[in-house]
Every structure is written in C-alpha cells, then in structure tokens.
PDB file of N, CA and C in Angstrom:
ATOM      1  N   UNK A   1      -1.197  -2.008 -15.499  1.00  0.00           N
ATOM      2  CA  UNK A   1      -1.188  -2.699 -14.241  1.00  0.00           C
ATOM      3  C   UNK A   1      -1.676  -1.747 -13.147  1.00  0.00           C
ATOM      4  N   UNK A   2      -2.611  -2.201 -12.317  1.00  0.00           N
ATOM      5  CA  UNK A   2      -3.137  -1.384 -11.237  1.00  0.00           C
ATOM      6  C   UNK A   2      -2.118  -1.281 -10.114  1.00  0.00           C
ATOM      7  N   UNK A   3      -1.977  -0.052  -9.588  1.00  0.00           N
ATOM      8  CA  UNK A   3      -1.106   0.143  -8.442  1.00  0.00           C
ATOM      9  C   UNK A   3      -1.903  -0.138  -7.179  1.00  0.00           C
ATOM     10  N   UNK A   4      -1.314  -0.885  -6.263  1.00  0.00           N
ATOM     11  CA  UNK A   4      -1.980  -1.170  -4.999  1.00  0.00           C
ATOM     12  C   UNK A   4      -1.768   0.004  -4.056  1.00  0.00           C
ATOM     13  N   UNK A   5      -2.837   0.421  -3.400  1.00  0.00           N
ATOM     14  CA  UNK A   5      -2.768   1.540  -2.468  1.00  0.00           C
ATOM     15  C   UNK A   5      -2.345   1.039  -1.095  1.00  0.00           C
ATOM     16  N   UNK A   6      -1.226   1.535  -0.613  1.00  0.00           N
ATOM     17  CA  UNK A   6      -0.717   1.181   0.708  1.00  0.00           C
ATOM     18  C   UNK A   6      -0.526   2.461   1.516  1.00  0.00           C
ATOM     19  N   UNK A   7      -1.528   2.840   2.300  1.00  0.00           N
ATOM     20  CA  UNK A   7      -1.408   4.094   3.051  1.00  0.00           C
ATOM     21  C   UNK A   7      -0.344   4.002   4.142  1.00  0.00           C
ATOM     22  N   UNK A   8       0.258   5.152   4.448  1.00  0.00           N
ATOM     23  CA  UNK A   8       1.196   5.248   5.562  1.00  0.00           C
ATOM     24  C   UNK A   8       0.382   5.518   6.821  1.00  0.00           C
ATOM     25  N   UNK A   9       0.353   4.555   7.723  1.00  0.00           N
ATOM     26  CA  UNK A   9      -0.427   4.667   8.948  1.00  0.00           C
ATOM     27  C   UNK A   9       0.489   5.095  10.088  1.00  0.00           C
ATOM     28  N   UNK A  10       0.056   6.114  10.834  1.00  0.00           N
ATOM     29  CA  UNK A  10       0.828   6.657  11.940  1.00  0.00           C
ATOM     30  C   UNK A  10      -0.009   6.524  13.211  1.00  0.00           C
ATOM     31  N   UNK A  11       0.592   5.979  14.236  1.00  0.00           N
ATOM     32  CA  UNK A  11      -0.064   5.866  15.538  1.00  0.00           C
ATOM     33  C   UNK A  11       0.578   6.874  16.482  1.00  0.00           C
ATOM     34  N   UNK A  12      -0.243   7.711  17.100  1.00  0.00           N
ATOM     35  CA  UNK A  12       0.250   8.770  17.974  1.00  0.00           C
ATOM     36  C   UNK A  12      -0.391   8.604  19.350  1.00  0.00           C
ATOM     37  N   UNK A  13       0.414   8.713  20.385  1.00  0.00           N
ATOM     38  CA  UNK A  13      -0.096   8.663  21.753  1.00  0.00           C
ATOM     39  C   UNK A  13      -0.048  10.078  22.319  1.00  0.00           C
ATOM     40  N   UNK A  14      -1.219  10.585  22.752  1.00  0.00           N
ATOM     41  CA  UNK A  14      -1.263  11.948  23.282  1.00  0.00           C
ATOM     42  C   UNK A  14      -0.774  11.991  24.726  1.00  0.00           C
ATOM     43  N   UNK A  15      -0.755  13.202  25.312  1.00  0.00           N
ATOM     44  CA  UNK A  15      -0.215  13.360  26.666  1.00  0.00           C
ATOM     45  C   UNK A  15      -1.044  12.642  27.727  1.00  0.00           C
ATOM     46  N   UNK A  16      -2.284  12.266  27.388  1.00  0.00           N
ATOM     47  CA  UNK A  16      -3.132  11.506  28.314  1.00  0.00           C
ATOM     48  C   UNK A  16      -2.975   9.998  28.137  1.00  0.00           C
ATOM     49  N   UNK A  17      -2.097   9.583  27.211  1.00  0.00           N
ATOM     50  CA  UNK A  17      -1.865   8.165  26.973  1.00  0.00           C
ATOM     51  C   UNK A  17      -2.852   7.526  26.011  1.00  0.00           C
ATOM     52  N   UNK A  18      -3.696   8.343  25.376  1.00  0.00           N
ATOM     53  CA  UNK A  18      -4.686   7.815  24.434  1.00  0.00           C
ATOM     54  C   UNK A  18      -4.065   7.719  23.038  1.00  0.00           C
ATOM     55  N   UNK A  19      -4.273   6.571  22.393  1.00  0.00           N
ATOM     56  CA  UNK A  19      -3.720   6.350  21.058  1.00  0.00           C
ATOM     57  C   UNK A  19      -4.685   6.870  19.990  1.00  0.00           C
ATOM     58  N   UNK A  20      -4.121   7.555  18.987  1.00  0.00           N
ATOM     59  CA  UNK A  20      -4.873   8.049  17.841  1.00  0.00           C
ATOM     60  C   UNK A  20      -4.185   7.521  16.585  1.00  0.00           C
ATOM     61  N   UNK A  21      -4.977   7.104  15.606  1.00  0.00           N
ATOM     62  CA  UNK A  21      -4.420   6.531  14.383  1.00  0.00           C
ATOM     63  C   UNK A  21      -4.764   7.448  13.216  1.00  0.00           C
ATOM     64  N   UNK A  22      -3.753   7.716  12.379  1.00  0.00           N
ATOM     65  CA  UNK A  22      -3.897   8.620  11.248  1.00  0.00           C
ATOM     66  C   UNK A  22      -3.304   7.998   9.993  1.00  0.00           C
ATOM     67  N   UNK A  23      -3.776   8.489   8.852  1.00  0.00           N
ATOM     68  CA  UNK A  23      -3.104   8.223   7.589  1.00  0.00           C
ATOM     69  C   UNK A  23      -2.263   9.452   7.278  1.00  0.00           C
ATOM     70  N   UNK A  24      -0.978   9.234   7.028  1.00  0.00           N
ATOM     71  CA  UNK A  24      -0.102  10.340   6.644  1.00  0.00           C
ATOM     72  C   UNK A  24      -0.265  10.557   5.146  1.00  0.00           C
ATOM     73  N   UNK A  25      -0.819  11.717   4.786  1.00  0.00           N
ATOM     74  CA  UNK A  25      -1.052  12.017   3.381  1.00  0.00           C
ATOM     75  C   UNK A  25       0.159  12.635   2.708  1.00  0.00           C
ATOM     76  N   UNK A  26       0.926  13.419   3.465  1.00  0.00           N
ATOM     77  CA  UNK A  26       2.076  14.098   2.872  1.00  0.00           C
ATOM     78  C   UNK A  26       2.985  14.573   3.991  1.00  0.00           C
ATOM     79  N   UNK A  27       4.227  14.834   3.620  1.00  0.00           N
ATOM     80  CA  UNK A  27       5.180  15.449   4.545  1.00  0.00           C
ATOM     81  C   UNK A  27       6.059  16.398   3.751  1.00  0.00           C
ATOM     82  N   UNK A  28       6.448  17.488   4.395  1.00  0.00           N
ATOM     83  CA  UNK A  28       7.315  18.465   3.747  1.00  0.00           C
ATOM     84  C   UNK A  28       8.393  18.912   4.733  1.00  0.00           C
ATOM     85  N   UNK A  29       9.446  19.477   4.154  1.00  0.00           N
ATOM     86  CA  UNK A  29      10.495  20.076   4.961  1.00  0.00           C
ATOM     87  C   UNK A  29      10.756  21.466   4.410  1.00  0.00           C
ATOM     88  N   UNK A  30      10.774  22.464   5.298  1.00  0.00           N
ATOM     89  CA  UNK A  30      11.054  23.839   4.919  1.00  0.00           C
ATOM     90  C   UNK A  30      12.220  24.333   5.768  1.00  0.00           C
ATOM     91  N   UNK A  31      12.582  25.594   5.586  1.00  0.00           N
ATOM     92  CA  UNK A  31      13.628  26.186   6.422  1.00  0.00           C
ATOM     93  C   UNK A  31      13.210  26.227   7.891  1.00  0.00           C
ATOM     94  N   UNK A  32      11.886  26.248   8.143  1.00  0.00           N
ATOM     95  CA  UNK A  32      11.367  26.327   9.513  1.00  0.00           C
ATOM     96  C   UNK A  32      11.225  24.974  10.193  1.00  0.00           C
ATOM     97  N   UNK A  33      11.287  23.881   9.428  1.00  0.00           N
ATOM     98  CA  UNK A  33      11.162  22.565  10.046  1.00  0.00           C
ATOM     99  C   UNK A  33      10.479  21.550   9.151  1.00  0.00           C
ATOM    100  N   UNK A  34      10.125  20.410   9.758  1.00  0.00           N
ATOM    101  CA  UNK A  34       9.427  19.337   9.046  1.00  0.00           C
ATOM    102  C   UNK A  34       7.980  19.298   9.515  1.00  0.00           C
ATOM    103  N   UNK A  35       7.089  18.957   8.577  1.00  0.00           N
ATOM    104  CA  UNK A  35       5.659  18.966   8.863  1.00  0.00           C
ATOM    105  C   UNK A  35       4.996  17.762   8.211  1.00  0.00           C
ATOM    106  N   UNK A  36       3.867  17.322   8.805  1.00  0.00           N
ATOM    107  CA  UNK A  36       3.087  16.232   8.231  1.00  0.00           C
ATOM    108  C   UNK A  36       1.623  16.652   8.135  1.00  0.00           C
ATOM    109  N   UNK A  37       0.957  16.131   7.108  1.00  0.00           N
ATOM    110  CA  UNK A  37      -0.486  16.310   6.943  1.00  0.00           C
ATOM    111  C   UNK A  37      -1.130  14.953   7.198  1.00  0.00           C
ATOM    112  N   UNK A  38      -1.997  14.898   8.191  1.00  0.00           N
ATOM    113  CA  UNK A  38      -2.603  13.642   8.626  1.00  0.00           C
ATOM    114  C   UNK A  38      -4.120  13.691   8.489  1.00  0.00           C
ATOM    115  N   UNK A  39      -4.698  12.523   8.289  1.00  0.00           N
ATOM    116  CA  UNK A  39      -6.147  12.364   8.244  1.00  0.00           C
ATOM    117  C   UNK A  39      -6.506  11.274   9.251  1.00  0.00           C
ATOM    118  N   UNK A  40      -7.414  11.568  10.191  1.00  0.00           N
ATOM    119  CA  UNK A  40      -7.770  10.559  11.199  1.00  0.00           C
ATOM    120  C   UNK A  40      -8.362   9.302  10.566  1.00  0.00           C
ATOM    121  N   UNK A  41      -8.025   8.150  11.142  1.00  0.00           N
ATOM    122  CA  UNK A  41      -8.607   6.871  10.730  1.00  0.00           C
ATOM    123  C   UNK A  41      -9.427   6.324  11.889  1.00  0.00           C
ATOM    124  N   UNK A  42     -10.565   5.736  11.544  1.00  0.00           N
ATOM    125  CA  UNK A  42     -11.457   5.191  12.571  1.00  0.00           C
ATOM    126  C   UNK A  42     -11.854   3.769  12.212  1.00  0.00           C
ATOM    127  N   UNK A  43     -12.030   2.936  13.232  1.00  0.00           N
ATOM    128  CA  UNK A  43     -12.564   1.589  13.041  1.00  0.00           C
ATOM    129  C   UNK A  43     -14.088   1.611  13.029  1.00  0.00           C
ATOM    130  N   UNK A  44     -14.663   2.592  13.705  1.00  0.00           N
ATOM    131  CA  UNK A  44     -16.106   2.696  13.874  1.00  0.00           C
ATOM    132  C   UNK A  44     -16.713   3.508  12.726  1.00  0.00           C
ATOM    133  N   UNK A  45     -17.635   2.910  11.984  1.00  0.00           N
ATOM    134  CA  UNK A  45     -18.262   3.578  10.840  1.00  0.00           C
ATOM    135  C   UNK A  45     -18.977   4.856  11.257  1.00  0.00           C
ATOM    136  N   UNK A  46     -19.572   4.879  12.440  1.00  0.00           N
ATOM    137  CA  UNK A  46     -20.281   6.070  12.902  1.00  0.00           C
ATOM    138  C   UNK A  46     -19.317   7.239  13.092  1.00  0.00           C
ATOM    139  N   UNK A  47     -18.126   6.969  13.623  1.00  0.00           N
ATOM    140  CA  UNK A  47     -17.128   8.022  13.805  1.00  0.00           C
ATOM    141  C   UNK A  47     -16.640   8.546  12.458  1.00  0.00           C
ATOM    142  N   UNK A  48     -16.552   7.675  11.473  1.00  0.00           N
ATOM    143  CA  UNK A  48     -16.154   8.102  10.129  1.00  0.00           C
ATOM    144  C   UNK A  48     -17.159   9.108   9.592  1.00  0.00           C
ATOM    145  N   UNK A  49     -18.436   8.819   9.758  1.00  0.00           N
ATOM    146  CA  UNK A  49     -19.484   9.710   9.267  1.00  0.00           C
ATOM    147  C   UNK A  49     -19.525  11.027  10.031  1.00  0.00           C
ATOM    148  N   UNK A  50     -19.165  11.013  11.304  1.00  0.00           N
ATOM    149  CA  UNK A  50     -19.178  12.219  12.131  1.00  0.00           C
ATOM    150  C   UNK A  50     -17.964  13.109  11.886  1.00  0.00           C
ATOM    151  N   UNK A  51     -16.881  12.550  11.368  1.00  0.00           N
ATOM    152  CA  UNK A  51     -15.646  13.304  11.172  1.00  0.00           C
ATOM    153  C   UNK A  51     -15.844  14.385  10.115  1.00  0.00           C
ATOM    154  N   UNK A  52     -15.232  15.564  10.345  1.00  0.00           N
ATOM    155  CA  UNK A  52     -15.371  16.672   9.403  1.00  0.00           C
ATOM    156  C   UNK A  52     -14.420  16.571   8.214  1.00  0.00           C
ATOM    157  N   UNK A  53     -13.501  15.618   8.225  1.00  0.00           N
ATOM    158  CA  UNK A  53     -12.619  15.388   7.090  1.00  0.00           C
ATOM    159  C   UNK A  53     -11.488  16.388   6.936  1.00  0.00           C
ATOM    160  N   UNK A  54     -11.283  17.242   7.935  1.00  0.00           N
ATOM    161  CA  UNK A  54     -10.211  18.226   7.839  1.00  0.00           C
ATOM    162  C   UNK A  54      -8.860  17.590   8.124  1.00  0.00           C
ATOM    163  N   UNK A  55      -7.861  18.091   7.416  1.00  0.00           N
ATOM    164  CA  UNK A  55      -6.489  17.637   7.646  1.00  0.00           C
ATOM    165  C   UNK A  55      -5.995  18.121   8.996  1.00  0.00           C
ATOM    166  N   UNK A  56      -5.145  17.336   9.588  1.00  0.00           N
ATOM    167  CA  UNK A  56      -4.447  17.749  10.795  1.00  0.00           C
ATOM    168  C   UNK A  56      -3.000  17.964  10.386  1.00  0.00           C
ATOM    169  N   UNK A  57      -2.526  19.183  10.569  1.00  0.00           N
ATOM    170  CA  UNK A  57      -1.160  19.541  10.176  1.00  0.00           C
ATOM    171  C   UNK A  57      -0.351  19.747  11.444  1.00  0.00           C
ATOM    172  N   UNK A  58       0.730  18.993  11.561  1.00  0.00           N
ATOM    173  CA  UNK A  58       1.562  19.048  12.756  1.00  0.00           C
ATOM    174  C   UNK A  58       3.025  19.231  12.384  1.00  0.00           C
ATOM    175  N   UNK A  59       3.768  19.796  13.321  1.00  0.00           N
ATOM    176  CA  UNK A  59       5.205  19.977  13.153  1.00  0.00           C
ATOM    177  C   UNK A  59       5.921  18.786  13.774  1.00  0.00           C
ATOM    178  N   UNK A  60       6.950  18.304  13.098  1.00  0.00           N
ATOM    179  CA  UNK A  60       7.739  17.173  13.581  1.00  0.00           C
ATOM    180  C   UNK A  60       8.943  17.724  14.346  1.00  0.00           C
ATOM    181  N   UNK A  61       9.128  17.240  15.551  1.00  0.00           N
ATOM    182  CA  UNK A  61      10.310  17.641  16.319  1.00  0.00           C
ATOM    183  C   UNK A  61      10.958  16.391  16.905  1.00  0.00           C
ATOM    184  N   UNK A  62      12.222  16.518  17.234  1.00  0.00           N
ATOM    185  CA  UNK A  62      12.952  15.400  17.832  1.00  0.00           C
ATOM    186  C   UNK A  62      13.649  15.878  19.091  1.00  0.00           C
ATOM    187  N   UNK A  63      13.610  15.010  20.088  1.00  0.00           N
ATOM    188  CA  UNK A  63      14.271  15.313  21.352  1.00  0.00           C
ATOM    189  C   UNK A  63      14.765  14.006  21.954  1.00  0.00           C
ATOM    190  N   UNK A  64      16.050  13.946  22.238  1.00  0.00           N
ATOM    191  CA  UNK A  64      16.663  12.741  22.828  1.00  0.00           C
ATOM    192  C   UNK A  64      16.368  11.481  22.020  1.00  0.00           C
ATOM    193  N   UNK A  65      16.412  11.605  20.693  1.00  0.00           N
ATOM    194  CA  UNK A  65      16.194  10.454  19.825  1.00  0.00           C
ATOM    195  C   UNK A  65      14.740  10.069  19.628  1.00  0.00           C
ATOM    196  N   UNK A  66      13.821  10.765  20.278  1.00  0.00           N
ATOM    197  CA  UNK A  66      12.388  10.502  20.138  1.00  0.00           C
ATOM    198  C   UNK A  66      11.777  11.507  19.169  1.00  0.00           C
ATOM    199  N   UNK A  67      10.843  11.039  18.344  1.00  0.00           N
ATOM    200  CA  UNK A  67      10.147  11.912  17.410  1.00  0.00           C
ATOM    201  C   UNK A  67       8.801  12.298  18.003  1.00  0.00           C
ATOM    202  N   UNK A  68       8.489  13.591  17.936  1.00  0.00           N
ATOM    203  CA  UNK A  68       7.237  14.119  18.463  1.00  0.00           C
ATOM    204  C   UNK A  68       6.498  14.883  17.375  1.00  0.00           C
ATOM    205  N   UNK A  69       5.180  14.837  17.431  1.00  0.00           N
ATOM    206  CA  UNK A  69       4.335  15.657  16.571  1.00  0.00           C
ATOM    207  C   UNK A  69       3.656  16.677  17.463  1.00  0.00           C
ATOM    208  N   UNK A  70       3.772  17.949  17.086  1.00  0.00           N
ATOM    209  CA  UNK A  70       3.204  18.993  17.933  1.00  0.00           C
ATOM    210  C   UNK A  70       2.437  20.001  17.093  1.00  0.00           C
ATOM    211  N   UNK A  71       1.452  20.649  17.696  1.00  0.00           N
ATOM    212  CA  UNK A  71       0.683  21.653  16.956  1.00  0.00           C
ATOM    213  C   UNK A  71       1.564  22.837  16.573  1.00  0.00           C
ATOM    214  N   UNK A  72       1.192  23.491  15.498  1.00  0.00           N
ATOM    215  CA  UNK A  72       1.892  24.699  15.056  1.00  0.00           C
ATOM    216  C   UNK A  72       1.228  25.871  15.764  1.00  0.00           C
ATOM    217  N   UNK A  73       1.952  26.517  16.660  1.00  0.00           N
ATOM    218  CA  UNK A  73       1.390  27.584  17.493  1.00  0.00           C
ATOM    219  C   UNK A  73       1.260  28.915  16.757  1.00  0.00           C
ATOM    220  N   UNK A  74       2.187  29.206  15.861  1.00  0.00           N
ATOM    221  CA  UNK A  74       2.210  30.490  15.158  1.00  0.00           C
ATOM    222  C   UNK A  74       1.220  30.474  13.994  1.00  0.00           C
ATOM    223  N   UNK A  75       0.274  31.421  13.980  1.00  0.00           N
ATOM    224  CA  UNK A  75      -0.758  31.467  12.936  1.00  0.00           C
ATOM    225  C   UNK A  75      -0.174  31.652  11.542  1.00  0.00           C
ATOM    226  N   UNK A  76       0.828  32.530  11.406  1.00  0.00           N
ATOM    227  CA  UNK A  76       1.435  32.764  10.092  1.00  0.00           C
ATOM    228  C   UNK A  76       2.122  31.498   9.581  1.00  0.00           C
ATOM    229  N   UNK A  77       2.841  30.828  10.460  1.00  0.00           N
ATOM    230  CA  UNK A  77       3.515  29.582  10.090  1.00  0.00           C
ATOM    231  C   UNK A  77       2.477  28.535   9.681  1.00  0.00           C
ATOM    232  N   UNK A  78       1.397  28.408  10.465  1.00  0.00           N
ATOM    233  CA  UNK A  78       0.351  27.432  10.158  1.00  0.00           C
ATOM    234  C   UNK A  78      -0.289  27.730   8.803  1.00  0.00           C
ATOM    235  N   UNK A  79      -0.605  29.000   8.546  1.00  0.00           N
ATOM    236  CA  UNK A  79      -1.227  29.369   7.270  1.00  0.00           C
ATOM    237  C   UNK A  79      -0.305  29.089   6.093  1.00  0.00           C
ATOM    238  N   UNK A  80       0.982  29.387   6.250  1.00  0.00           N
ATOM    239  CA  UNK A  80       1.956  29.137   5.181  1.00  0.00           C
ATOM    240  C   UNK A  80       2.078  27.641   4.890  1.00  0.00           C
ATOM    241  N   UNK A  81       2.216  26.841   5.929  1.00  0.00           N
ATOM    242  CA  UNK A  81       2.359  25.391   5.760  1.00  0.00           C
ATOM    243  C   UNK A  81       1.058  24.789   5.235  1.00  0.00           C
ATOM    244  N   UNK A  82      -0.069  25.266   5.738  1.00  0.00           N
ATOM    245  CA  UNK A  82      -1.366  24.791   5.257  1.00  0.00           C
ATOM    246  C   UNK A  82      -1.549  25.041   3.775  1.00  0.00           C
ATOM    247  N   UNK A  83      -1.122  26.205   3.300  1.00  0.00           N
ATOM    248  CA  UNK A  83      -1.219  26.542   1.880  1.00  0.00           C
ATOM    249  C   UNK A  83      -0.345  25.613   1.041  1.00  0.00           C
ATOM    250  N   UNK A  84       0.852  25.319   1.521  1.00  0.00           N
ATOM    251  CA  UNK A  84       1.753  24.411   0.800  1.00  0.00           C
ATOM    252  C   UNK A  84       1.115  23.028   0.679  1.00  0.00           C
ATOM    253  N   UNK A  85       0.588  22.515   1.794  1.00  0.00           N
ATOM    254  CA  UNK A  85      -0.062  21.200   1.752  1.00  0.00           C
ATOM    255  C   UNK A  85      -1.283  21.218   0.831  1.00  0.00           C
ATOM    256  N   UNK A  86      -2.065  22.280   0.890  1.00  0.00           N
ATOM    257  CA  UNK A  86      -3.255  22.368   0.036  1.00  0.00           C
ATOM    258  C   UNK A  86      -2.875  22.275  -1.439  1.00  0.00           C
ATOM    259  N   UNK A  87      -1.838  23.006  -1.836  1.00  0.00           N
ATOM    260  CA  UNK A  87      -1.385  22.979  -3.228  1.00  0.00           C
ATOM    261  C   UNK A  87      -0.851  21.598  -3.605  1.00  0.00           C
ATOM    262  N   UNK A  88      -0.029  21.022  -2.735  1.00  0.00           N
ATOM    263  CA  UNK A  88       0.561  19.710  -3.035  1.00  0.00           C
ATOM    264  C   UNK A  88      -0.502  18.621  -3.114  1.00  0.00           C
ATOM    265  N   UNK A  89      -1.425  18.616  -2.170  1.00  0.00           N
ATOM    266  CA  UNK A  89      -2.447  17.575  -2.148  1.00  0.00           C
ATOM    267  C   UNK A  89      -3.439  17.736  -3.289  1.00  0.00           C
ATOM    268  N   UNK A  90      -3.725  18.980  -3.681  1.00  0.00           N
ATOM    269  CA  UNK A  90      -4.640  19.171  -4.810  1.00  0.00           C
ATOM    270  C   UNK A  90      -3.998  18.659  -6.096  1.00  0.00           C
ATOM    271  N   UNK A  91      -2.671  18.769  -6.213  1.00  0.00           N
ATOM    272  CA  UNK A  91      -1.969  18.213  -7.371  1.00  0.00           C
ATOM    273  C   UNK A  91      -1.923  16.687  -7.303  1.00  0.00           C
ATOM    274  N   UNK A  92      -1.661  16.145  -6.116  1.00  0.00           N
ATOM    275  CA  UNK A  92      -1.544  14.698  -5.944  1.00  0.00           C
ATOM    276  C   UNK A  92      -2.871  13.985  -6.181  1.00  0.00           C
ATOM    277  N   UNK A  93      -3.961  14.594  -5.706  1.00  0.00           N
ATOM    278  CA  UNK A  93      -5.263  13.947  -5.782  1.00  0.00           C
ATOM    279  C   UNK A  93      -6.179  14.579  -6.816  1.00  0.00           C
ATOM    280  N   UNK A  94      -5.656  15.529  -7.590  1.00  0.00           N
ATOM    281  CA  UNK A  94      -6.388  16.167  -8.680  1.00  0.00           C
ATOM    282  C   UNK A  94      -7.708  16.761  -8.198  1.00  0.00           C
ATOM    283  N   UNK A  95      -7.642  17.533  -7.088  1.00  0.00           N
ATOM    284  CA  UNK A  95      -8.824  18.217  -6.579  1.00  0.00           C
ATOM    285  C   UNK A  95      -9.136  19.400  -7.465  1.00  0.00           C
ATOM    286  N   UNK A  96     -10.401  19.770  -7.522  1.00  0.00           N
ATOM    287  CA  UNK A  96     -10.833  20.946  -8.254  1.00  0.00           C
ATOM    288  C   UNK A  96     -11.561  21.838  -7.273  1.00  0.00           C
ATOM    289  N   UNK A  97     -11.013  23.044  -7.004  1.00  0.00           N
ATOM    290  CA  UNK A  97     -11.614  23.951  -6.034  1.00  0.00           C
ATOM    291  C   UNK A  97     -12.860  24.649  -6.558  1.00  0.00           C
ATOM    292  N   UNK A  98     -13.076  24.631  -7.869  1.00  0.00           N
ATOM    293  CA  UNK A  98     -14.225  25.325  -8.431  1.00  0.00           C
ATOM    294  C   UNK A  98     -15.505  24.581  -8.091  1.00  0.00           C
ATOM    295  N   UNK A  99     -16.540  25.363  -7.739  1.00  0.00           N
ATOM    296  CA  UNK A  99     -17.830  24.757  -7.438  1.00  0.00           C
ATOM    297  C   UNK A  99     -18.505  24.343  -8.730  1.00  0.00           C
ATOM    298  N   UNK A 100     -19.182  23.203  -8.693  1.00  0.00           N
ATOM    299  CA  UNK A 100     -19.930  22.760  -9.859  1.00  0.00           C
ATOM    300  C   UNK A 100     -21.381  23.142  -9.691  1.00  0.00           C
ATOM    301  N   UNK A 101     -22.014  23.461 -10.793  1.00  0.00           N
ATOM    302  CA  UNK A 101     -23.410  23.883 -10.735  1.00  0.00           C
ATOM    303  C   UNK A 101     -24.322  22.749 -11.047  1.00  0.00           C
TER     304      UNK A 101
END
C-alpha cells in the first residue's frame, strides 16, 4: 500500500509582518534547546527555480505562551545542529554524499 505524503507546513510571520511558508522536514531537541529544519515553499514556479534549496535551521523558543523561531547566533551551535540534521535527513531520505561519475 502506498503511503500518502502529507508535509508539515509552517507559516512564519517575520518582524516586518511578511508571511513566509515552509515545509518542516525535521525537528530535534538537545540539551541546548529545540530546533527545526525548514525548506521554503513557493506558489510561484519561477521562485522555486531561483531558490538555492538550502535548509533553514532555526531555534524554537517560547515566551508568554507564544512560540518563536529564531536564528542560531552561535557558529559552533549552528554547526553542531546542522551536522545532526544533515545526518538525520540523509538517513530519512537516503541521500548519497558521494559524487557520481
């Protein structure tokens, strides 16, 4: 039986009030906090082609019952979390890092 793909869609409003839509590919929790790996979603085919396809990794924080996504400011923390997501997503999607000839 085929499994139906139902992506987790996240809508984020930035500090300028502009809405951005993402697919949440993964989330993790470490001793340092909670994090999400997002991929931008576009309605416009031209924007899809222009996108570089890089993951957006953000830290999840909560304040007064509201959930916020914020950039990871510390380079070491970002590199550590990025490596974890890279390993997890390569297992989930069976990526192969080796170049083919």
